[in-house]
Amino acid sequence: MTKERYIESCEITGSTPIEEEMPVDETELTFDLLRVLQVYRLLKSTMDSFSGVYTGKDLSLLDYLFNLYEVPKDLQLIYLEYIIIIDEDNISYYASKSNKKAKVKNGG
């Protein structure tokens, strides 16, 4: 979702846009952050086989992707830290979404 669509959605629903929830416009990101997102998106997502809840990215291809995108050795740790931050945020988001579904399903 773009910032414009987020704002339009808020206008339609009559809610006030919240800065922390506003999507980031990728054109505002640095080259390195765009590359972090590119690598992140190529990593395989893993799911809990029992509940179907997102459990994070499989990092086993990370070295290959760093080499493919020619990420300098001195930036690889920083990229990894960003990837972990993004993934932890996504894990939390999908876990809370799953909890809300469970509450609705159980009548809560």
Protein backbone atom coordinates (compact mmCIF):
# COMPACT_ATOMS: atom_id res chain seq x y z
CA MET A 1 0.00 0.00 0.00
CA THR A 2 1.28 3.47 -0.86
CA LYS A 3 1.05 6.54 1.37
CA GLU A 4 -1.60 7.95 -0.96
CA ARG A 5 -3.76 4.81 -0.73
CA TYR A 6 -3.34 4.75 3.05
CA ILE A 7 -4.51 8.37 3.33
CA GLU A 8 -7.43 7.71 0.94
CA SER A 9 -8.39 4.68 3.00
CA CYS A 10 -8.36 6.79 6.17
CA GLU A 11 -10.53 9.42 4.50
CA ILE A 12 -13.03 6.78 3.37
CA THR A 13 -13.25 5.21 6.82
CA GLY A 14 -13.20 8.56 8.62
CA SER A 15 -10.11 7.64 10.62
CA THR A 16 -7.07 9.80 11.28
CA PRO A 17 -3.82 8.73 9.57
CA ILE A 18 -1.26 7.50 12.10
CA GLU A 19 2.34 8.35 11.18
CA GLU A 20 3.73 5.06 12.57
CA GLU A 21 1.30 3.06 10.43
CA MET A 22 1.88 5.05 7.24
CA PRO A 23 3.65 2.97 4.59
CA VAL A 24 7.16 3.98 3.62
CA ASP A 25 7.58 5.24 0.08
CA GLU A 26 10.43 3.16 -1.34
CA THR A 27 11.63 6.13 -3.40
CA GLU A 28 12.66 7.74 -0.10
CA LEU A 29 14.96 4.85 0.86
CA THR A 30 18.71 4.69 0.36
CA PHE A 31 20.28 2.31 -2.15
CA ASP A 32 21.42 -0.01 0.65
CA LEU A 33 17.97 -0.18 2.26
CA LEU A 34 16.40 -0.95 -1.12
CA ARG A 35 18.93 -3.75 -1.56
CA VAL A 36 18.14 -5.07 1.95
CA LEU A 37 14.46 -5.23 0.98
CA GLN A 38 15.32 -6.92 -2.30
CA VAL A 39 17.33 -9.61 -0.52
CA TYR A 40 14.64 -9.98 2.18
CA ARG A 41 11.90 -10.53 -0.39
CA LEU A 42 13.91 -13.31 -2.07
CA LEU A 43 14.35 -15.28 1.15
CA LYS A 44 11.90 -18.15 1.59
CA SER A 45 9.16 -17.59 4.15
CA THR A 46 8.64 -20.31 6.73
CA MET A 47 5.36 -21.29 8.33
CA ASP A 48 4.49 -23.37 11.38
CA SER A 49 3.22 -26.64 9.95
CA PHE A 50 0.58 -27.04 12.66
CA SER A 51 -0.93 -23.56 12.91
CA GLY A 52 0.06 -22.11 9.54
CA VAL A 53 1.47 -19.01 11.27
CA TYR A 54 4.40 -17.21 9.67
CA THR A 55 7.58 -18.01 11.62
CA GLY A 56 10.15 -15.98 9.72
CA LYS A 57 12.52 -16.09 6.78
CA ASP A 58 14.82 -19.00 6.02
CA LEU A 59 18.28 -17.39 6.06
CA SER A 60 20.08 -20.34 4.45
CA LEU A 61 20.39 -18.52 1.09
CA LEU A 62 21.63 -15.29 2.61
CA ASP A 63 25.31 -15.82 1.74
CA TYR A 64 24.37 -16.70 -1.85
CA LEU A 65 22.18 -13.59 -2.18
CA PHE A 66 24.86 -11.35 -0.65
CA ASN A 67 27.27 -12.67 -3.28
CA LEU A 68 24.71 -12.33 -6.07
CA TYR A 69 23.99 -8.70 -5.17
CA GLU A 70 27.69 -8.07 -4.48
CA VAL A 71 27.07 -6.83 -0.95
CA PRO A 72 30.45 -5.78 0.45
CA LYS A 73 31.68 -7.93 3.36
CA ASP A 74 31.76 -4.88 5.66
CA LEU A 75 28.01 -4.28 5.06
CA GLN A 76 26.77 -7.85 5.36
CA LEU A 77 26.35 -7.77 9.14
CA ILE A 78 24.43 -4.49 8.90
CA TYR A 79 22.21 -5.96 6.18
CA LEU A 80 21.60 -9.03 8.35
CA GLU A 81 20.61 -6.82 11.28
CA TYR A 82 18.09 -4.95 9.09
CA ILE A 83 16.72 -8.23 7.74
CA ILE A 84 16.24 -9.51 11.30
CA ILE A 85 14.48 -6.27 12.34
CA ILE A 86 12.13 -6.49 9.34
CA ASP A 87 11.47 -10.16 9.97
CA GLU A 88 10.79 -9.73 13.69
CA ASP A 89 8.28 -7.02 12.83
CA ASN A 90 6.57 -9.29 10.28
CA ILE A 91 6.53 -12.23 12.73
CA SER A 92 4.86 -10.03 15.35
CA TYR A 93 2.37 -8.66 12.82
CA TYR A 94 1.28 -12.09 11.59
CA ALA A 95 1.19 -13.52 15.12
CA SER A 96 -1.14 -10.73 16.27
CA LYS A 97 -3.29 -11.24 13.17
CA SER A 98 -3.48 -14.96 13.94
CA ASN A 99 -4.42 -14.24 17.56
CA LYS A 100 -7.24 -11.94 16.45
CA LYS A 101 -8.58 -14.64 14.13
CA ALA A 102 -8.44 -17.21 16.93
CA LYS A 103 -10.36 -14.89 19.28
CA VAL A 104 -13.07 -14.30 16.68
CA LYS A 105 -13.27 -18.01 15.90
CA ASN A 106 -13.59 -18.86 19.60
CA GLY A 107 -16.22 -16.19 20.18
CA GLY A 108 -13.88 -13.74 22.01
